[in-house]
């Protein structure tokens, strides 16, 4: 019985990861046509840049 619970939990994790990846790639190829045909010129080809936050360090005397 414990094995069924383990398998069920693993399947739920895999299902959740699959749904997340599907949504992620669906947003990434928005306006690109199908995934097999590649992207047209309307696609964003530049990767998103993240802003870095500066962390101020304080010296302990």
PDB file of N, CA and C in Angstrom:
ATOM      1  N   UNK A   1       0.817  -1.190   0.000  1.00  0.00           N
ATOM      2  CA  UNK A   1       0.000   0.000   0.000  1.00  0.00           C
ATOM      3  C   UNK A   1       0.863   1.257   0.000  1.00  0.00           C
ATOM      4  N   UNK A   2       1.993   1.214   0.708  1.00  0.00           N
ATOM      5  CA  UNK A   2       2.869   2.377   0.756  1.00  0.00           C
ATOM      6  C   UNK A   2       3.470   2.674  -0.614  1.00  0.00           C
ATOM      7  N   UNK A   3       3.697   1.628  -1.419  1.00  0.00           N
ATOM      8  CA  UNK A   3       4.272   1.822  -2.746  1.00  0.00           C
ATOM      9  C   UNK A   3       3.303   2.588  -3.642  1.00  0.00           C
ATOM     10  N   UNK A   4       2.025   2.337  -3.495  1.00  0.00           N
ATOM     11  CA  UNK A   4       1.030   3.051  -4.296  1.00  0.00           C
ATOM     12  C   UNK A   4       1.020   4.537  -3.949  1.00  0.00           C
ATOM     13  N   UNK A   5       1.177   4.835  -2.691  1.00  0.00           N
ATOM     14  CA  UNK A   5       1.219   6.228  -2.263  1.00  0.00           C
ATOM     15  C   UNK A   5       2.465   6.921  -2.813  1.00  0.00           C
ATOM     16  N   UNK A   6       3.606   6.231  -2.777  1.00  0.00           N
ATOM     17  CA  UNK A   6       4.843   6.790  -3.326  1.00  0.00           C
ATOM     18  C   UNK A   6       4.714   7.039  -4.826  1.00  0.00           C
ATOM     19  N   UNK A   7       4.161   6.080  -5.531  1.00  0.00           N
ATOM     20  CA  UNK A   7       3.986   6.220  -6.982  1.00  0.00           C
ATOM     21  C   UNK A   7       3.020   7.353  -7.294  1.00  0.00           C
ATOM     22  N   UNK A   8       1.960   7.477  -6.517  1.00  0.00           N
ATOM     23  CA  UNK A   8       0.988   8.548  -6.719  1.00  0.00           C
ATOM     24  C   UNK A   8       1.624   9.923  -6.500  1.00  0.00           C
ATOM     25  N   UNK A   9       2.436  10.047  -5.473  1.00  0.00           N
ATOM     26  CA  UNK A   9       3.109  11.325  -5.204  1.00  0.00           C
ATOM     27  C   UNK A   9       4.075  11.659  -6.336  1.00  0.00           C
ATOM     28  N   UNK A  10       4.833  10.676  -6.808  1.00  0.00           N
ATOM     29  CA  UNK A  10       5.760  10.911  -7.914  1.00  0.00           C
ATOM     30  C   UNK A  10       5.016  11.317  -9.177  1.00  0.00           C
ATOM     31  N   UNK A  11       3.897  10.678  -9.457  1.00  0.00           N
ATOM     32  CA  UNK A  11       3.105  11.036 -10.638  1.00  0.00           C
ATOM     33  C   UNK A  11       2.542  12.447 -10.524  1.00  0.00           C
ATOM     34  N   UNK A  12       2.120  12.832  -9.329  1.00  0.00           N
ATOM     35  CA  UNK A  12       1.614  14.190  -9.139  1.00  0.00           C
ATOM     36  C   UNK A  12       2.722  15.232  -9.346  1.00  0.00           C
ATOM     37  N   UNK A  13       3.922  14.927  -8.872  1.00  0.00           N
ATOM     38  CA  UNK A  13       5.055  15.838  -9.069  1.00  0.00           C
ATOM     39  C   UNK A  13       5.384  15.945 -10.554  1.00  0.00           C
ATOM     40  N   UNK A  14       5.427  14.816 -11.248  1.00  0.00           N
ATOM     41  CA  UNK A  14       5.715  14.840 -12.679  1.00  0.00           C
ATOM     42  C   UNK A  14       4.629  15.567 -13.461  1.00  0.00           C
ATOM     43  N   UNK A  15       3.386  15.386 -13.081  1.00  0.00           N
ATOM     44  CA  UNK A  15       2.282  16.070 -13.737  1.00  0.00           C
ATOM     45  C   UNK A  15       2.382  17.572 -13.519  1.00  0.00           C
ATOM     46  N   UNK A  16       2.662  17.981 -12.305  1.00  0.00           N
ATOM     47  CA  UNK A  16       2.817  19.404 -12.006  1.00  0.00           C
ATOM     48  C   UNK A  16       3.980  20.019 -12.777  1.00  0.00           C
ATOM     49  N   UNK A  17       5.098  19.305 -12.850  1.00  0.00           N
ATOM     50  CA  UNK A  17       6.255  19.806 -13.592  1.00  0.00           C
ATOM     51  C   UNK A  17       5.939  19.893 -15.086  1.00  0.00           C
ATOM     52  N   UNK A  18       5.218  18.918 -15.603  1.00  0.00           N
ATOM     53  CA  UNK A  18       4.845  18.941 -17.020  1.00  0.00           C
ATOM     54  C   UNK A  18       3.938  20.109 -17.351  1.00  0.00           C
ATOM     55  N   UNK A  19       2.984  20.377 -16.492  1.00  0.00           N
ATOM     56  CA  UNK A  19       2.071  21.502 -16.718  1.00  0.00           C
ATOM     57  C   UNK A  19       2.843  22.817 -16.654  1.00  0.00           C
ATOM     58  N   UNK A  20       3.743  22.936 -15.683  1.00  0.00           N
ATOM     59  CA  UNK A  20       4.546  24.158 -15.550  1.00  0.00           C
ATOM     60  C   UNK A  20       5.401  24.377 -16.800  1.00  0.00           C
ATOM     61  N   UNK A  21       6.082  23.326 -17.270  1.00  0.00           N
ATOM     62  CA  UNK A  21       6.925  23.467 -18.455  1.00  0.00           C
ATOM     63  C   UNK A  21       6.107  23.771 -19.698  1.00  0.00           C
ATOM     64  N   UNK A  22       4.933  23.181 -19.824  1.00  0.00           N
ATOM     65  CA  UNK A  22       4.064  23.457 -20.966  1.00  0.00           C
ATOM     66  C   UNK A  22       3.670  24.929 -20.992  1.00  0.00           C
ATOM     67  N   UNK A  23       3.262  25.463 -19.843  1.00  0.00           N
ATOM     68  CA  UNK A  23       2.870  26.872 -19.775  1.00  0.00           C
ATOM     69  C   UNK A  23       4.065  27.787 -20.022  1.00  0.00           C
ATOM     70  N   UNK A  24       5.234  27.407 -19.492  1.00  0.00           N
ATOM     71  CA  UNK A  24       6.441  28.210 -19.674  1.00  0.00           C
ATOM     72  C   UNK A  24       6.813  28.309 -21.143  1.00  0.00           C
ATOM     73  N   UNK A  25       6.845  27.180 -21.844  1.00  0.00           N
ATOM     74  CA  UNK A  25       7.224  27.191 -23.248  1.00  0.00           C
ATOM     75  C   UNK A  25       6.125  27.775 -24.131  1.00  0.00           C
ATOM     76  N   UNK A  26       4.881  27.690 -23.693  1.00  0.00           N
ATOM     77  CA  UNK A  26       3.793  28.306 -24.447  1.00  0.00           C
ATOM     78  C   UNK A  26       3.952  29.818 -24.445  1.00  0.00           C
ATOM     79  N   UNK A  27       4.317  30.384 -23.290  1.00  0.00           N
ATOM     80  CA  UNK A  27       4.556  31.825 -23.213  1.00  0.00           C
ATOM     81  C   UNK A  27       5.815  32.208 -23.974  1.00  0.00           C
ATOM     82  N   UNK A  28       6.837  31.354 -23.944  1.00  0.00           N
ATOM     83  CA  UNK A  28       8.113  31.671 -24.582  1.00  0.00           C
ATOM     84  C   UNK A  28       7.988  31.716 -26.096  1.00  0.00           C
ATOM     85  N   UNK A  29       7.115  30.903 -26.667  1.00  0.00           N
ATOM     86  CA  UNK A  29       6.989  30.881 -28.121  1.00  0.00           C
ATOM     87  C   UNK A  29       5.747  31.617 -28.613  1.00  0.00           C
ATOM     88  N   UNK A  30       5.201  32.502 -27.809  1.00  0.00           N
ATOM     89  CA  UNK A  30       4.017  33.258 -28.211  1.00  0.00           C
ATOM     90  C   UNK A  30       4.348  34.093 -29.444  1.00  0.00           C
ATOM     91  N   UNK A  31       3.573  33.937 -30.489  1.00  0.00           N
ATOM     92  CA  UNK A  31       3.785  34.670 -31.733  1.00  0.00           C
ATOM     93  C   UNK A  31       4.817  34.046 -32.637  1.00  0.00           C
ATOM     94  N   UNK A  32       5.297  32.862 -32.294  1.00  0.00           N
ATOM     95  CA  UNK A  32       6.350  32.224 -33.084  1.00  0.00           C
ATOM     96  C   UNK A  32       5.826  31.158 -34.031  1.00  0.00           C
ATOM     97  N   UNK A  33       4.568  30.850 -34.012  1.00  0.00           N
ATOM     98  CA  UNK A  33       4.084  29.725 -34.801  1.00  0.00           C
ATOM     99  C   UNK A  33       4.259  28.445 -34.019  1.00  0.00           C
ATOM    100  N   UNK A  34       4.407  27.344 -34.711  1.00  0.00           N
ATOM    101  CA  UNK A  34       4.562  26.066 -34.017  1.00  0.00           C
ATOM    102  C   UNK A  34       5.999  25.904 -33.542  1.00  0.00           C
ATOM    103  N   UNK A  35       6.202  25.003 -32.633  1.00  0.00           N
ATOM    104  CA  UNK A  35       7.538  24.787 -32.077  1.00  0.00           C
ATOM    105  C   UNK A  35       8.459  24.141 -33.120  1.00  0.00           C
ATOM    106  N   UNK A  36       7.890  23.447 -34.100  1.00  0.00           N
ATOM    107  CA  UNK A  36       8.703  22.783 -35.113  1.00  0.00           C
ATOM    108  C   UNK A  36       9.160  23.744 -36.209  1.00  0.00           C
ATOM    109  N   UNK A  37       8.337  24.740 -36.532  1.00  0.00           N
ATOM    110  CA  UNK A  37       8.664  25.620 -37.647  1.00  0.00           C
ATOM    111  C   UNK A  37       9.647  26.710 -37.277  1.00  0.00           C
ATOM    112  N   UNK A  38       9.906  26.880 -36.006  1.00  0.00           N
ATOM    113  CA  UNK A  38      10.826  27.918 -35.577  1.00  0.00           C
ATOM    114  C   UNK A  38      10.125  29.250 -35.437  1.00  0.00           C
ATOM    115  N   UNK A  39      10.885  30.254 -35.129  1.00  0.00           N
ATOM    116  CA  UNK A  39      10.309  31.572 -34.855  1.00  0.00           C
ATOM    117  C   UNK A  39      10.416  32.475 -36.066  1.00  0.00           C
ATOM    118  N   UNK A  40       9.441  33.335 -36.201  1.00  0.00           N
ATOM    119  CA  UNK A  40       9.483  34.350 -37.251  1.00  0.00           C
ATOM    120  C   UNK A  40      10.166  35.595 -36.698  1.00  0.00           C
ATOM    121  N   UNK A  41      10.202  36.639 -37.483  1.00  0.00           N
ATOM    122  CA  UNK A  41      10.871  37.859 -37.037  1.00  0.00           C
ATOM    123  C   UNK A  41      10.064  38.590 -35.965  1.00  0.00           C
ATOM    124  N   UNK A  42       8.809  38.184 -35.756  1.00  0.00           N
ATOM    125  CA  UNK A  42       8.002  38.856 -34.742  1.00  0.00           C
ATOM    126  C   UNK A  42       8.337  38.397 -33.328  1.00  0.00           C
ATOM    127  N   UNK A  43       9.144  37.365 -33.207  1.00  0.00           N
ATOM    128  CA  UNK A  43       9.497  36.842 -31.888  1.00  0.00           C
ATOM    129  C   UNK A  43      10.579  37.679 -31.234  1.00  0.00           C
ATOM    130  N   UNK A  44      10.556  37.675 -29.940  1.00  0.00           N
ATOM    131  CA  UNK A  44      11.629  38.322 -29.191  1.00  0.00           C
ATOM    132  C   UNK A  44      12.812  37.367 -29.157  1.00  0.00           C
ATOM    133  N   UNK A  45      13.932  37.816 -29.671  1.00  0.00           N
ATOM    134  CA  UNK A  45      15.113  36.948 -29.690  1.00  0.00           C
ATOM    135  C   UNK A  45      16.108  37.305 -28.602  1.00  0.00           C
ATOM    136  N   UNK A  46      15.905  38.438 -27.936  1.00  0.00           N
ATOM    137  CA  UNK A  46      16.828  38.832 -26.879  1.00  0.00           C
ATOM    138  C   UNK A  46      16.384  38.219 -25.560  1.00  0.00           C
ATOM    139  N   UNK A  47      17.323  37.670 -24.799  1.00  0.00           N
ATOM    140  CA  UNK A  47      16.949  37.142 -23.487  1.00  0.00           C
ATOM    141  C   UNK A  47      16.604  38.276 -22.530  1.00  0.00           C
ATOM    142  N   UNK A  48      15.775  37.982 -21.584  1.00  0.00           N
ATOM    143  CA  UNK A  48      15.383  38.958 -20.586  1.00  0.00           C
ATOM    144  C   UNK A  48      16.555  39.222 -19.653  1.00  0.00           C
ATOM    145  N   UNK A  49      16.808  40.472 -19.390  1.00  0.00           N
ATOM    146  CA  UNK A  49      17.899  40.828 -18.495  1.00  0.00           C
ATOM    147  C   UNK A  49      17.327  41.168 -17.132  1.00  0.00           C
ATOM    148  N   UNK A  50      18.001  40.685 -16.107  1.00  0.00           N
ATOM    149  CA  UNK A  50      17.556  40.907 -14.750  1.00  0.00           C
ATOM    150  C   UNK A  50      18.354  42.044 -14.135  1.00  0.00           C
ATOM    151  N   UNK A  51      17.697  42.869 -13.380  1.00  0.00           N
ATOM    152  CA  UNK A  51      18.370  43.958 -12.694  1.00  0.00           C
ATOM    153  C   UNK A  51      18.998  43.418 -11.416  1.00  0.00           C
ATOM    154  N   UNK A  52      20.227  43.842 -11.178  1.00  0.00           N
ATOM    155  CA  UNK A  52      20.899  43.397  -9.962  1.00  0.00           C
ATOM    156  C   UNK A  52      20.663  44.410  -8.859  1.00  0.00           C
ATOM    157  N   UNK A  53      20.513  43.922  -7.688  1.00  0.00           N
ATOM    158  CA  UNK A  53      20.348  44.780  -6.526  1.00  0.00           C
ATOM    159  C   UNK A  53      21.689  44.878  -5.813  1.00  0.00           C
ATOM    160  N   UNK A  54      22.015  46.077  -5.406  1.00  0.00           N
ATOM    161  CA  UNK A  54      23.261  46.256  -4.678  1.00  0.00           C
ATOM    162  C   UNK A  54      22.995  46.014  -3.193  1.00  0.00           C
ATOM    163  N   UNK A  55      23.889  45.300  -2.589  1.00  0.00           N
ATOM    164  CA  UNK A  55      23.784  44.998  -1.171  1.00  0.00           C
ATOM    165  C   UNK A  55      24.892  45.780  -0.465  1.00  0.00           C
ATOM    166  N   UNK A  56      24.491  46.606   0.455  1.00  0.00           N
ATOM    167  CA  UNK A  56      25.468  47.390   1.190  1.00  0.00           C
ATOM    168  C   UNK A  56      25.982  46.584   2.380  1.00  0.00           C
ATOM    169  N   UNK A  57      27.290  46.525   2.470  1.00  0.00           N
ATOM    170  CA  UNK A  57      27.918  45.790   3.540  1.00  0.00           C
ATOM    171  C   UNK A  57      28.351  46.770   4.629  1.00  0.00           C
ATOM    172  N   UNK A  58      28.113  46.399   5.841  1.00  0.00           N
ATOM    173  CA  UNK A  58      28.516  47.234   6.968  1.00  0.00           C
ATOM    174  C   UNK A  58      29.676  46.566   7.686  1.00  0.00           C
ATOM    175  N   UNK A  59      30.676  47.364   7.994  1.00  0.00           N
ATOM    176  CA  UNK A  59      31.825  46.833   8.711  1.00  0.00           C
ATOM    177  C   UNK A  59      31.506  46.815  10.206  1.00  0.00           C
ATOM    178  N   UNK A  60      31.893  45.739  10.815  1.00  0.00           N
ATOM    179  CA  UNK A  60      31.724  45.628  12.257  1.00  0.00           C
ATOM    180  C   UNK A  60      33.042  46.006  12.909  1.00  0.00           C
ATOM    181  N   UNK A  61      33.016  47.028  13.741  1.00  0.00           N
ATOM    182  CA  UNK A  61      34.259  47.514  14.357  1.00  0.00           C
ATOM    183  C   UNK A  61      34.558  46.785  15.635  1.00  0.00           C
TER     184      UNK A  61
END
